[in-house]
Amino acid sequence: MVEGATVRKQPITPGIRVDDKIEIAQGLSEGDEVVVRGQTLLEDGAAVNVVARLEPLSALESLR
């Protein structure tokens, strides 16, 4: 999860899986920013520079 200019590991509980999408049942709140590319290269507290922000999917869009 991105906090300012750094990241931290955030435990989550996965929910429903549909194709290549997975619901996050617990562990994130609306508006939280997460790393979706390159996350395996990061450690807690690593400095990051956000280069692009993606629009979140609504619950209905995520089921398509």
Foldseek 3Di string as FASTA:
>chain_A
DDDPFFDADWDFDWDDDDDPDIHGPDTDDPPDDDDDPPPVVDYGGDGHDDPDDDDDDDPVRRND
